[in-house]
Full PDB file with SEQRES, HELIX, SHEET, SSBOND, CRYST1, ORIGX, SCALE, CONECT and MASTER records, all heavy atoms in Angstrom:
SEQRES   1 A   38  ARG LEU GLU ASP CYS PHE ARG LEU TYR GLU GLU TYR SER          
SEQRES   2 A   38  ALA GLY ASP ARG GLU ARG ILE GLN TRP LEU MET GLU VAL          
SEQRES   3 A   38  LEU PRO GLU GLY MET GLU MET ASP LEU THR ARG PHE              
HELIX    1 AA1 LEU A    2  GLU A   10  1                                   9    
HELIX    2 AA2 ALA A   14  ARG A   37  1                                  24    
CRYST1    1.000    1.000    1.000  90.00  90.00  90.00 P 1           1          
ORIGX1      1.000000  0.000000  0.000000        0.00000                         
ORIGX2      0.000000  1.000000  0.000000        0.00000                         
ORIGX3      0.000000  0.000000  1.000000        0.00000                         
SCALE1      1.000000  0.000000  0.000000        0.00000                         
SCALE2      0.000000  1.000000  0.000000        0.00000                         
SCALE3      0.000000  0.000000  1.000000        0.00000                         
ATOM      1  N   ARG A   1      10.318   7.574  -6.868  1.00  0.00           N  
ATOM      2  CA  ARG A   1      10.860   6.849  -7.991  1.00  0.00           C  
ATOM      3  C   ARG A   1      10.364   5.405  -8.094  1.00  0.00           C  
ATOM      4  O   ARG A   1      10.875   4.579  -8.835  1.00  0.00           O  
ATOM      5  CB  ARG A   1      12.355   6.844  -7.970  1.00  0.00           C  
ATOM      6  CG  ARG A   1      13.043   8.237  -7.959  1.00  0.00           C  
ATOM      7  CD  ARG A   1      12.754   8.982  -9.325  1.00  0.00           C  
ATOM      8  NE  ARG A   1      13.306   8.239 -10.407  1.00  0.00           N  
ATOM      9  CZ  ARG A   1      14.643   8.297 -10.794  1.00  0.00           C  
ATOM     10  NH1 ARG A   1      15.511   8.986 -10.096  1.00  0.00           N  
ATOM     11  NH2 ARG A   1      15.055   7.602 -11.763  1.00  0.00           N  
ATOM     12  N   LEU A   2       9.310   5.111  -7.342  1.00  0.00           N  
ATOM     13  CA  LEU A   2       8.774   3.735  -7.268  1.00  0.00           C  
ATOM     14  C   LEU A   2       8.351   3.233  -8.615  1.00  0.00           C  
ATOM     15  O   LEU A   2       8.574   2.063  -9.007  1.00  0.00           O  
ATOM     16  CB  LEU A   2       7.617   3.668  -6.276  1.00  0.00           C  
ATOM     17  CG  LEU A   2       7.353   2.387  -5.505  1.00  0.00           C  
ATOM     18  CD1 LEU A   2       8.708   1.888  -4.905  1.00  0.00           C  
ATOM     19  CD2 LEU A   2       6.422   2.605  -4.413  1.00  0.00           C  
ATOM     20  N   GLU A   3       7.709   4.101  -9.355  1.00  0.00           N  
ATOM     21  CA  GLU A   3       7.234   3.676 -10.744  1.00  0.00           C  
ATOM     22  C   GLU A   3       8.448   3.313 -11.611  1.00  0.00           C  
ATOM     23  O   GLU A   3       8.441   2.304 -12.366  1.00  0.00           O  
ATOM     24  CB  GLU A   3       6.409   4.768 -11.427  1.00  0.00           C  
ATOM     25  CG  GLU A   3       5.041   4.924 -10.831  1.00  0.00           C  
ATOM     26  CD  GLU A   3       4.256   5.990 -11.617  1.00  0.00           C  
ATOM     27  OE1 GLU A   3       3.749   5.691 -12.737  1.00  0.00           O  
ATOM     28  OE2 GLU A   3       4.058   7.080 -11.079  1.00  0.00           O  
ATOM     29  N   ASP A   4       9.493   4.094 -11.476  1.00  0.00           N  
ATOM     30  CA  ASP A   4      10.747   3.815 -12.318  1.00  0.00           C  
ATOM     31  C   ASP A   4      11.302   2.470 -11.851  1.00  0.00           C  
ATOM     32  O   ASP A   4      11.773   1.662 -12.726  1.00  0.00           O  
ATOM     33  CB  ASP A   4      11.790   4.885 -12.038  1.00  0.00           C  
ATOM     34  CG  ASP A   4      11.399   6.253 -12.665  1.00  0.00           C  
ATOM     35  OD1 ASP A   4      10.560   6.183 -13.609  1.00  0.00           O  
ATOM     36  OD2 ASP A   4      11.839   7.207 -12.168  1.00  0.00           O  
ATOM     37  N   CYS A   5      11.275   2.133 -10.555  1.00  0.00           N  
ATOM     38  CA  CYS A   5      11.754   0.832 -10.046  1.00  0.00           C  
ATOM     39  C   CYS A   5      10.953  -0.289 -10.762  1.00  0.00           C  
ATOM     40  O   CYS A   5      11.555  -1.343 -11.171  1.00  0.00           O  
ATOM     41  CB  CYS A   5      11.571   0.758  -8.542  1.00  0.00           C  
ATOM     42  SG  CYS A   5      12.716   1.740  -7.638  1.00  0.00           S  
ATOM     43  N   PHE A   6       9.626  -0.165 -10.771  1.00  0.00           N  
ATOM     44  CA  PHE A   6       8.861  -1.204 -11.338  1.00  0.00           C  
ATOM     45  C   PHE A   6       9.039  -1.301 -12.853  1.00  0.00           C  
ATOM     46  O   PHE A   6       8.912  -2.423 -13.459  1.00  0.00           O  
ATOM     47  CB  PHE A   6       7.335  -0.989 -11.038  1.00  0.00           C  
ATOM     48  CG  PHE A   6       6.977  -1.557  -9.690  1.00  0.00           C  
ATOM     49  CD1 PHE A   6       6.812  -0.690  -8.564  1.00  0.00           C  
ATOM     50  CD2 PHE A   6       6.805  -2.914  -9.497  1.00  0.00           C  
ATOM     51  CE1 PHE A   6       6.483  -1.190  -7.292  1.00  0.00           C  
ATOM     52  CE2 PHE A   6       6.457  -3.417  -8.245  1.00  0.00           C  
ATOM     53  CZ  PHE A   6       6.313  -2.563  -7.150  1.00  0.00           C  
ATOM     54  N   ARG A   7       9.284  -0.219 -13.542  1.00  0.00           N  
ATOM     55  CA  ARG A   7       9.509  -0.292 -15.004  1.00  0.00           C  
ATOM     56  C   ARG A   7      10.820  -1.035 -15.237  1.00  0.00           C  
ATOM     57  O   ARG A   7      10.858  -1.779 -16.231  1.00  0.00           O  
ATOM     58  CB  ARG A   7       9.575   1.148 -15.606  1.00  0.00           C  
ATOM     59  CG  ARG A   7       8.183   1.756 -15.536  1.00  0.00           C  
ATOM     60  CD  ARG A   7       8.064   3.039 -16.367  1.00  0.00           C  
ATOM     61  NE  ARG A   7       6.818   3.761 -15.999  1.00  0.00           N  
ATOM     62  CZ  ARG A   7       5.603   3.449 -16.342  1.00  0.00           C  
ATOM     63  NH1 ARG A   7       5.342   2.345 -17.041  1.00  0.00           N  
ATOM     64  NH2 ARG A   7       4.570   4.108 -15.981  1.00  0.00           N  
ATOM     65  N   LEU A   8      11.796  -0.815 -14.421  1.00  0.00           N  
ATOM     66  CA  LEU A   8      13.087  -1.550 -14.580  1.00  0.00           C  
ATOM     67  C   LEU A   8      12.892  -3.039 -14.274  1.00  0.00           C  
ATOM     68  O   LEU A   8      13.321  -3.886 -15.010  1.00  0.00           O  
ATOM     69  CB  LEU A   8      14.128  -0.945 -13.609  1.00  0.00           C  
ATOM     70  CG  LEU A   8      15.504  -1.571 -13.695  1.00  0.00           C  
ATOM     71  CD1 LEU A   8      16.120  -1.387 -15.064  1.00  0.00           C  
ATOM     72  CD2 LEU A   8      16.391  -0.840 -12.626  1.00  0.00           C  
ATOM     73  N   TYR A   9      12.094  -3.296 -13.292  1.00  0.00           N  
ATOM     74  CA  TYR A   9      11.706  -4.720 -12.943  1.00  0.00           C  
ATOM     75  C   TYR A   9      11.103  -5.409 -14.070  1.00  0.00           C  
ATOM     76  O   TYR A   9      11.350  -6.604 -14.379  1.00  0.00           O  
ATOM     77  CB  TYR A   9      10.811  -4.662 -11.690  1.00  0.00           C  
ATOM     78  CG  TYR A   9      10.079  -5.916 -11.386  1.00  0.00           C  
ATOM     79  CD1 TYR A   9      10.703  -7.006 -10.744  1.00  0.00           C  
ATOM     80  CD2 TYR A   9       8.657  -5.922 -11.594  1.00  0.00           C  
ATOM     81  CE1 TYR A   9       9.954  -8.099 -10.379  1.00  0.00           C  
ATOM     82  CE2 TYR A   9       7.956  -7.081 -11.260  1.00  0.00           C  
ATOM     83  CZ  TYR A   9       8.594  -8.169 -10.648  1.00  0.00           C  
ATOM     84  OH  TYR A   9       7.835  -9.268 -10.314  1.00  0.00           O  
ATOM     85  N   GLU A  10      10.181  -4.727 -14.795  1.00  0.00           N  
ATOM     86  CA  GLU A  10       9.513  -5.341 -15.931  1.00  0.00           C  
ATOM     87  C   GLU A  10      10.543  -5.749 -17.076  1.00  0.00           C  
ATOM     88  O   GLU A  10      10.153  -6.615 -17.850  1.00  0.00           O  
ATOM     89  CB  GLU A  10       8.471  -4.358 -16.500  1.00  0.00           C  
ATOM     90  CG  GLU A  10       7.240  -4.258 -15.667  1.00  0.00           C  
ATOM     91  CD  GLU A  10       6.124  -3.444 -16.472  1.00  0.00           C  
ATOM     92  OE1 GLU A  10       6.418  -2.314 -16.902  1.00  0.00           O  
ATOM     93  OE2 GLU A  10       5.040  -3.868 -16.461  1.00  0.00           O  
ATOM     94  N   GLU A  11      11.650  -5.126 -17.077  1.00  0.00           N  
ATOM     95  CA  GLU A  11      12.637  -5.433 -18.138  1.00  0.00           C  
ATOM     96  C   GLU A  11      13.505  -6.657 -17.801  1.00  0.00           C  
ATOM     97  O   GLU A  11      14.182  -7.152 -18.664  1.00  0.00           O  
ATOM     98  CB  GLU A  11      13.586  -4.173 -18.367  1.00  0.00           C  
ATOM     99  CG  GLU A  11      12.917  -2.998 -18.885  1.00  0.00           C  
ATOM    100  CD  GLU A  11      13.838  -1.820 -18.954  1.00  0.00           C  
ATOM    101  OE1 GLU A  11      15.095  -2.002 -18.788  1.00  0.00           O  
ATOM    102  OE2 GLU A  11      13.398  -0.697 -19.142  1.00  0.00           O  
ATOM    103  N   TYR A  12      13.430  -7.207 -16.575  1.00  0.00           N  
ATOM    104  CA  TYR A  12      14.263  -8.236 -16.174  1.00  0.00           C  
ATOM    105  C   TYR A  12      13.779  -9.592 -16.801  1.00  0.00           C  
ATOM    106  O   TYR A  12      12.612  -9.698 -17.170  1.00  0.00           O  
ATOM    107  CB  TYR A  12      14.272  -8.363 -14.637  1.00  0.00           C  
ATOM    108  CG  TYR A  12      15.206  -7.364 -13.976  1.00  0.00           C  
ATOM    109  CD1 TYR A  12      15.280  -7.232 -12.566  1.00  0.00           C  
ATOM    110  CD2 TYR A  12      15.966  -6.464 -14.704  1.00  0.00           C  
ATOM    111  CE1 TYR A  12      16.130  -6.364 -11.960  1.00  0.00           C  
ATOM    112  CE2 TYR A  12      16.763  -5.525 -14.096  1.00  0.00           C  
ATOM    113  CZ  TYR A  12      16.889  -5.543 -12.745  1.00  0.00           C  
ATOM    114  OH  TYR A  12      17.685  -4.574 -12.121  1.00  0.00           O  
ATOM    115  N   SER A  13      14.622 -10.548 -16.791  1.00  0.00           N  
ATOM    116  CA  SER A  13      14.217 -11.915 -17.295  1.00  0.00           C  
ATOM    117  C   SER A  13      13.156 -12.507 -16.351  1.00  0.00           C  
ATOM    118  O   SER A  13      13.007 -12.165 -15.241  1.00  0.00           O  
ATOM    119  CB  SER A  13      15.407 -12.841 -17.309  1.00  0.00           C  
ATOM    120  OG  SER A  13      15.834 -13.117 -15.980  1.00  0.00           O  
ATOM    121  N   ALA A  14      12.420 -13.479 -16.960  1.00  0.00           N  
ATOM    122  CA  ALA A  14      11.316 -14.098 -16.197  1.00  0.00           C  
ATOM    123  C   ALA A  14      11.900 -14.728 -14.856  1.00  0.00           C  
ATOM    124  O   ALA A  14      11.340 -14.687 -13.830  1.00  0.00           O  
ATOM    125  CB  ALA A  14      10.672 -15.160 -17.045  1.00  0.00           C  
ATOM    126  N   GLY A  15      13.126 -15.395 -14.994  1.00  0.00           N  
ATOM    127  CA  GLY A  15      13.747 -15.980 -13.830  1.00  0.00           C  
ATOM    128  C   GLY A  15      14.042 -15.003 -12.699  1.00  0.00           C  
ATOM    129  O   GLY A  15      13.818 -15.219 -11.556  1.00  0.00           O  
ATOM    130  N   ASP A  16      14.637 -13.849 -13.132  1.00  0.00           N  
ATOM    131  CA  ASP A  16      14.996 -12.813 -12.133  1.00  0.00           C  
ATOM    132  C   ASP A  16      13.692 -12.260 -11.457  1.00  0.00           C  
ATOM    133  O   ASP A  16      13.635 -12.009 -10.249  1.00  0.00           O  
ATOM    134  CB  ASP A  16      15.777 -11.702 -12.741  1.00  0.00           C  
ATOM    135  CG  ASP A  16      17.230 -12.070 -12.951  1.00  0.00           C  
ATOM    136  OD1 ASP A  16      17.644 -13.054 -12.407  1.00  0.00           O  
ATOM    137  OD2 ASP A  16      18.018 -11.352 -13.664  1.00  0.00           O  
ATOM    138  N   ARG A  17      12.673 -12.022 -12.314  1.00  0.00           N  
ATOM    139  CA  ARG A  17      11.364 -11.539 -11.718  1.00  0.00           C  
ATOM    140  C   ARG A  17      10.779 -12.555 -10.747  1.00  0.00           C  
ATOM    141  O   ARG A  17      10.303 -12.159  -9.650  1.00  0.00           O  
ATOM    142  CB  ARG A  17      10.361 -11.199 -12.833  1.00  0.00           C  
ATOM    143  CG  ARG A  17      10.675  -9.969 -13.574  1.00  0.00           C  
ATOM    144  CD  ARG A  17       9.419  -9.456 -14.376  1.00  0.00           C  
ATOM    145  NE  ARG A  17       8.744 -10.411 -15.199  1.00  0.00           N  
ATOM    146  CZ  ARG A  17       9.158 -10.813 -16.393  1.00  0.00           C  
ATOM    147  NH1 ARG A  17      10.139 -10.150 -16.968  1.00  0.00           N  
ATOM    148  NH2 ARG A  17       8.507 -11.704 -17.109  1.00  0.00           N  
ATOM    149  N   GLU A  18      10.872 -13.798 -11.070  1.00  0.00           N  
ATOM    150  CA  GLU A  18      10.407 -14.876 -10.140  1.00  0.00           C  
ATOM    151  C   GLU A  18      11.132 -14.877  -8.798  1.00  0.00           C  
ATOM    152  O   GLU A  18      10.483 -14.990  -7.735  1.00  0.00           O  
ATOM    153  CB  GLU A  18      10.517 -16.251 -10.814  1.00  0.00           C  
ATOM    154  CG  GLU A  18       9.388 -16.570 -11.773  1.00  0.00           C  
ATOM    155  CD  GLU A  18       9.590 -17.900 -12.472  1.00  0.00           C  
ATOM    156  OE1 GLU A  18      10.276 -18.778 -11.928  1.00  0.00           O  
ATOM    157  OE2 GLU A  18       9.083 -18.093 -13.599  1.00  0.00           O  
ATOM    158  N   ARG A  19      12.490 -14.688  -8.918  1.00  0.00           N  
ATOM    159  CA  ARG A  19      13.219 -14.682  -7.640  1.00  0.00           C  
ATOM    160  C   ARG A  19      12.885 -13.459  -6.822  1.00  0.00           C  
ATOM    161  O   ARG A  19      12.768 -13.546  -5.559  1.00  0.00           O  
ATOM    162  CB  ARG A  19      14.715 -14.744  -8.008  1.00  0.00           C  
ATOM    163  CG  ARG A  19      15.217 -16.139  -8.415  1.00  0.00           C  
ATOM    164  CD  ARG A  19      16.694 -16.160  -8.704  1.00  0.00           C  
ATOM    165  NE  ARG A  19      16.994 -15.662 -10.112  1.00  0.00           N  
ATOM    166  CZ  ARG A  19      16.956 -16.422 -11.134  1.00  0.00           C  
ATOM    167  NH1 ARG A  19      16.631 -17.755 -11.014  1.00  0.00           N  
ATOM    168  NH2 ARG A  19      17.239 -16.013 -12.362  1.00  0.00           N  
ATOM    169  N   ILE A  20      12.701 -12.281  -7.441  1.00  0.00           N  
ATOM    170  CA  ILE A  20      12.321 -11.103  -6.732  1.00  0.00           C  
ATOM    171  C   ILE A  20      10.921 -11.229  -6.169  1.00  0.00           C  
ATOM    172  O   ILE A  20      10.589 -10.794  -5.062  1.00  0.00           O  
ATOM    173  CB  ILE A  20      12.491  -9.825  -7.616  1.00  0.00           C  
ATOM    174  CG1 ILE A  20      13.963  -9.603  -7.981  1.00  0.00           C  
ATOM    175  CG2 ILE A  20      11.904  -8.569  -6.920  1.00  0.00           C  
ATOM    176  CD1 ILE A  20      14.216  -8.530  -9.033  1.00  0.00           C  
ATOM    177  N   GLN A  21      10.032 -11.829  -6.934  1.00  0.00           N  
ATOM    178  CA  GLN A  21       8.641 -12.028  -6.486  1.00  0.00           C  
ATOM    179  C   GLN A  21       8.639 -12.886  -5.203  1.00  0.00           C  
ATOM    180  O   GLN A  21       7.907 -12.609  -4.226  1.00  0.00           O  
ATOM    181  CB  GLN A  21       7.856 -12.774  -7.583  1.00  0.00           C  
ATOM    182  CG  GLN A  21       7.367 -11.912  -8.715  1.00  0.00           C  
ATOM    183  CD  GLN A  21       6.760 -12.629  -9.938  1.00  0.00           C  
ATOM    184  OE1 GLN A  21       6.834 -13.881  -9.909  1.00  0.00           O  
ATOM    185  NE2 GLN A  21       6.393 -11.921 -10.935  1.00  0.00           N  
ATOM    186  N   TRP A  22       9.469 -13.927  -5.210  1.00  0.00           N  
ATOM    187  CA  TRP A  22       9.519 -14.810  -4.005  1.00  0.00           C  
ATOM    188  C   TRP A  22      10.043 -13.998  -2.784  1.00  0.00           C  
ATOM    189  O   TRP A  22       9.392 -14.023  -1.736  1.00  0.00           O  
ATOM    190  CB  TRP A  22      10.508 -15.973  -4.267  1.00  0.00           C  
ATOM    191  CG  TRP A  22      10.668 -16.833  -3.062  1.00  0.00           C  
ATOM    192  CD1 TRP A  22       9.841 -17.885  -2.618  1.00  0.00           C  
ATOM    193  CD2 TRP A  22      11.606 -16.673  -1.990  1.00  0.00           C  
ATOM    194  NE1 TRP A  22      10.285 -18.412  -1.441  1.00  0.00           N  
ATOM    195  CE2 TRP A  22      11.363 -17.723  -0.989  1.00  0.00           C  
ATOM    196  CE3 TRP A  22      12.706 -15.861  -1.774  1.00  0.00           C  
ATOM    197  CZ2 TRP A  22      12.115 -17.898   0.103  1.00  0.00           C  
ATOM    198  CZ3 TRP A  22      13.506 -15.977  -0.582  1.00  0.00           C  
ATOM    199  CH2 TRP A  22      13.197 -17.035   0.351  1.00  0.00           C  
ATOM    200  N   LEU A  23      11.031 -13.219  -2.980  1.00  0.00           N  
ATOM    201  CA  LEU A  23      11.560 -12.371  -1.903  1.00  0.00           C  
ATOM    202  C   LEU A  23      10.516 -11.390  -1.353  1.00  0.00           C  
ATOM    203  O   LEU A  23      10.336 -11.277  -0.126  1.00  0.00           O  
ATOM    204  CB  LEU A  23      12.797 -11.646  -2.335  1.00  0.00           C  
ATOM    205  CG  LEU A  23      13.415 -10.675  -1.297  1.00  0.00           C  
ATOM    206  CD1 LEU A  23      14.022 -11.507  -0.184  1.00  0.00           C  
ATOM    207  CD2 LEU A  23      14.415  -9.714  -1.927  1.00  0.00           C  
ATOM    208  N   MET A  24       9.816 -10.778  -2.252  1.00  0.00           N  
ATOM    209  CA  MET A  24       8.790  -9.780  -1.833  1.00  0.00           C  
ATOM    210  C   MET A  24       7.534 -10.375  -1.375  1.00  0.00           C  
ATOM    211  O   MET A  24       6.635  -9.624  -0.908  1.00  0.00           O  
ATOM    212  CB  MET A  24       8.620  -8.774  -3.045  1.00  0.00           C  
ATOM    213  CG  MET A  24       9.812  -7.945  -3.360  1.00  0.00           C  
ATOM    214  SD  MET A  24      10.620  -7.189  -1.911  1.00  0.00           S  
ATOM    215  CE  MET A  24       9.289  -6.126  -1.385  1.00  0.00           C  
ATOM    216  N   GLU A  25       7.401 -11.678  -1.439  1.00  0.00           N  
ATOM    217  CA  GLU A  25       6.271 -12.391  -0.852  1.00  0.00           C  
ATOM    218  C   GLU A  25       6.643 -12.667   0.595  1.00  0.00           C  
ATOM    219  O   GLU A  25       5.836 -12.524   1.551  1.00  0.00           O  
ATOM    220  CB  GLU A  25       5.983 -13.687  -1.546  1.00  0.00           C  
ATOM    221  CG  GLU A  25       4.922 -14.554  -0.916  1.00  0.00           C  
ATOM    222  CD  GLU A  25       3.543 -13.832  -0.797  1.00  0.00           C  
ATOM    223  OE1 GLU A  25       3.168 -12.961  -1.643  1.00  0.00           O  
ATOM    224  OE2 GLU A  25       2.855 -14.110   0.222  1.00  0.00           O  
ATOM    225  N   VAL A  26       7.892 -13.028   0.903  1.00  0.00           N  
ATOM    226  CA  VAL A  26       8.307 -13.453   2.186  1.00  0.00           C  
ATOM    227  C   VAL A  26       8.746 -12.335   3.141  1.00  0.00           C  
ATOM    228  O   VAL A  26       8.318 -12.227   4.237  1.00  0.00           O  
ATOM    229  CB  VAL A  26       9.518 -14.552   2.101  1.00  0.00           C  
ATOM    230  CG1 VAL A  26       9.863 -15.003   3.505  1.00  0.00           C  
ATOM    231  CG2 VAL A  26       9.065 -15.707   1.301  1.00  0.00           C  
ATOM    232  N   LEU A  27       9.573 -11.434   2.557  1.00  0.00           N  
ATOM    233  CA  LEU A  27      10.170 -10.343   3.371  1.00  0.00           C  
ATOM    234  C   LEU A  27       9.122  -9.469   4.067  1.00  0.00           C  
ATOM    235  O   LEU A  27       9.306  -9.176   5.269  1.00  0.00           O  
ATOM    236  CB  LEU A  27      11.081  -9.490   2.479  1.00  0.00           C  
ATOM    237  CG  LEU A  27      12.043  -8.516   3.151  1.00  0.00           C  
ATOM    238  CD1 LEU A  27      13.168  -9.293   3.941  1.00  0.00           C  
ATOM    239  CD2 LEU A  27      12.727  -7.633   2.097  1.00  0.00           C  
ATOM    240  N   PRO A  28       8.032  -9.043   3.416  1.00  0.00           N  
ATOM    241  CA  PRO A  28       7.056  -8.249   4.087  1.00  0.00           C  
ATOM    242  C   PRO A  28       6.290  -8.888   5.307  1.00  0.00           C  
ATOM    243  O   PRO A  28       5.689  -8.291   6.045  1.00  0.00           O  
ATOM    244  CB  PRO A  28       6.029  -7.866   2.973  1.00  0.00           C  
ATOM    245  CG  PRO A  28       6.813  -8.024   1.684  1.00  0.00           C  
ATOM    246  CD  PRO A  28       7.745  -9.225   1.927  1.00  0.00           C  
ATOM    247  N   GLU A  29       6.496 -10.282   5.362  1.00  0.00           N  
ATOM    248  CA  GLU A  29       5.951 -10.927   6.562  1.00  0.00           C  
ATOM    249  C   GLU A  29       6.491 -10.429   7.826  1.00  0.00           C  
ATOM    250  O   GLU A  29       5.791 -10.320   8.857  1.00  0.00           O  
ATOM    251  CB  GLU A  29       6.243 -12.487   6.435  1.00  0.00           C  
ATOM    252  CG  GLU A  29       5.474 -13.204   5.407  1.00  0.00           C  
ATOM    253  CD  GLU A  29       4.010 -13.574   5.790  1.00  0.00           C  
ATOM    254  OE1 GLU A  29       3.737 -13.496   6.994  1.00  0.00           O  
ATOM    255  OE2 GLU A  29       3.245 -13.940   4.904  1.00  0.00           O  
ATOM    256  N   GLY A  30       7.768 -10.150   7.815  1.00  0.00           N  
ATOM    257  CA  GLY A  30       8.450  -9.544   8.999  1.00  0.00           C  
ATOM    258  C   GLY A  30       7.965  -8.147   9.342  1.00  0.00           C  
ATOM    259  O   GLY A  30       7.798  -7.751  10.522  1.00  0.00           O  
ATOM    260  N   MET A  31       7.707  -7.389   8.246  1.00  0.00           N  
ATOM    261  CA  MET A  31       7.226  -6.047   8.458  1.00  0.00           C  
ATOM    262  C   MET A  31       5.797  -6.073   9.012  1.00  0.00           C  
ATOM    263  O   MET A  31       5.394  -5.260   9.877  1.00  0.00           O  
ATOM    264  CB  MET A  31       7.267  -5.266   7.076  1.00  0.00           C  
ATOM    265  CG  MET A  31       8.697  -5.149   6.594  1.00  0.00           C  
ATOM    266  SD  MET A  31       8.729  -4.785   4.817  1.00  0.00           S  
ATOM    267  CE  MET A  31      10.485  -5.071   4.479  1.00  0.00           C  
ATOM    268  N   GLU A  32       4.963  -7.028   8.502  1.00  0.00           N  
ATOM    269  CA  GLU A  32       3.648  -7.176   8.985  1.00  0.00           C  
ATOM    270  C   GLU A  32       3.636  -7.691  10.417  1.00  0.00           C  
ATOM    271  O   GLU A  32       2.845  -7.224  11.272  1.00  0.00           O  
ATOM    272  CB  GLU A  32       2.891  -8.220   8.090  1.00  0.00           C  
ATOM    273  CG  GLU A  32       1.428  -8.267   8.344  1.00  0.00           C  
ATOM    274  CD  GLU A  32       0.677  -9.129   7.341  1.00  0.00           C  
ATOM    275  OE1 GLU A  32       0.991  -9.039   6.073  1.00  0.00           O  
ATOM    276  OE2 GLU A  32      -0.231  -9.903   7.734  1.00  0.00           O  
ATOM    277  N   MET A  33       4.635  -8.552  10.758  1.00  0.00           N  
ATOM    278  CA  MET A  33       4.846  -9.005  12.128  1.00  0.00           C  
ATOM    279  C   MET A  33       5.090  -7.813  13.090  1.00  0.00           C  
ATOM    280  O   MET A  33       4.567  -7.698  14.183  1.00  0.00           O  
ATOM    281  CB  MET A  33       5.944 -10.005  12.151  1.00  0.00           C  
ATOM    282  CG  MET A  33       5.960 -10.877  13.414  1.00  0.00           C  
ATOM    283  SD  MET A  33       7.191 -12.257  13.153  1.00  0.00           S  
ATOM    284  CE  MET A  33       7.318 -12.797  14.831  1.00  0.00           C  
ATOM    285  N   ASP A  34       5.934  -6.871  12.610  1.00  0.00           N  
ATOM    286  CA  ASP A  34       6.265  -5.695  13.394  1.00  0.00           C  
ATOM    287  C   ASP A  34       4.999  -4.861  13.666  1.00  0.00           C  
ATOM    288  O   ASP A  34       4.762  -4.334  14.754  1.00  0.00           O  
ATOM    289  CB  ASP A  34       7.262  -4.767  12.646  1.00  0.00           C  
ATOM    290  CG  ASP A  34       8.723  -5.119  13.037  1.00  0.00           C  
ATOM    291  OD1 ASP A  34       8.913  -5.569  14.203  1.00  0.00           O  
ATOM    292  OD2 ASP A  34       9.652  -4.916  12.177  1.00  0.00           O  
ATOM    293  N   LEU A  35       4.149  -4.760  12.644  1.00  0.00           N  
ATOM    294  CA  LEU A  35       2.981  -3.846  12.768  1.00  0.00           C  
ATOM    295  C   LEU A  35       1.888  -4.523  13.617  1.00  0.00           C  
ATOM    296  O   LEU A  35       1.133  -3.825  14.312  1.00  0.00           O  
ATOM    297  CB  LEU A  35       2.434  -3.579  11.362  1.00  0.00           C  
ATOM    298  CG  LEU A  35       3.199  -2.535  10.542  1.00  0.00           C  
ATOM    299  CD1 LEU A  35       2.628  -2.514   9.074  1.00  0.00           C  
ATOM    300  CD2 LEU A  35       3.046  -1.153  11.180  1.00  0.00           C  
ATOM    301  N   THR A  36       1.778  -5.868  13.579  1.00  0.00           N  
ATOM    302  CA  THR A  36       0.672  -6.489  14.312  1.00  0.00           C  
ATOM    303  C   THR A  36       1.194  -7.031  15.725  1.00  0.00           C  
ATOM    304  O   THR A  36       0.355  -6.991  16.624  1.00  0.00           O  
ATOM    305  CB  THR A  36       0.128  -7.720  13.485  1.00  0.00           C  
ATOM    306  OG1 THR A  36       1.210  -8.593  13.151  1.00  0.00           O  
ATOM    307  CG2 THR A  36      -0.523  -7.218  12.201  1.00  0.00           C  
ATOM    308  N   ARG A  37       2.403  -7.395  15.787  1.00  0.00           N  
ATOM    309  CA  ARG A  37       2.911  -7.924  17.079  1.00  0.00           C  
ATOM    310  C   ARG A  37       3.248  -6.844  18.058  1.00  0.00           C  
ATOM    311  O   ARG A  37       3.192  -7.091  19.284  1.00  0.00           O  
ATOM    312  CB  ARG A  37       4.186  -8.766  16.776  1.00  0.00           C  
ATOM    313  CG  ARG A  37       4.636  -9.656  17.909  1.00  0.00           C  
ATOM    314  CD  ARG A  37       3.682 -10.789  18.157  1.00  0.00           C  
ATOM    315  NE  ARG A  37       4.126 -11.618  19.292  1.00  0.00           N  
ATOM    316  CZ  ARG A  37       4.041 -11.280  20.591  1.00  0.00           C  
ATOM    317  NH1 ARG A  37       3.529 -10.106  20.878  1.00  0.00           N  
ATOM    318  NH2 ARG A  37       4.440 -12.093  21.554  1.00  0.00           N  
ATOM    319  N   PHE A  38       3.588  -5.667  17.574  1.00  0.00           N  
ATOM    320  CA  PHE A  38       4.003  -4.479  18.419  1.00  0.00           C  
ATOM    321  C   PHE A  38       3.019  -3.388  18.205  1.00  0.00           C  
ATOM    322  O   PHE A  38       3.299  -2.500  17.341  1.00  0.00           O  
ATOM    323  CB  PHE A  38       5.416  -4.086  18.098  1.00  0.00           C  
ATOM    324  CG  PHE A  38       6.396  -5.252  18.270  1.00  0.00           C  
ATOM    325  CD1 PHE A  38       6.974  -5.848  17.155  1.00  0.00           C  
ATOM    326  CD2 PHE A  38       6.840  -5.608  19.542  1.00  0.00           C  
ATOM    327  CE1 PHE A  38       7.909  -6.857  17.352  1.00  0.00           C  
ATOM    328  CE2 PHE A  38       7.765  -6.590  19.757  1.00  0.00           C  
ATOM    329  CZ  PHE A  38       8.280  -7.231  18.614  1.00  0.00           C  
TER     330      PHE A  38                                                      
MASTER        0    0    0    2    0    0    0    6  329    1    0    3          
END                                                                             
């Protein structure tokens, strides 16, 4: 359902999209750290 998630995301206000964009820029750093550090 990933495509549906992104279609819903496109409907959000510019402010909400910016806040989600910020989160999804930072949060995967920890996942990348898991993959590279371990």
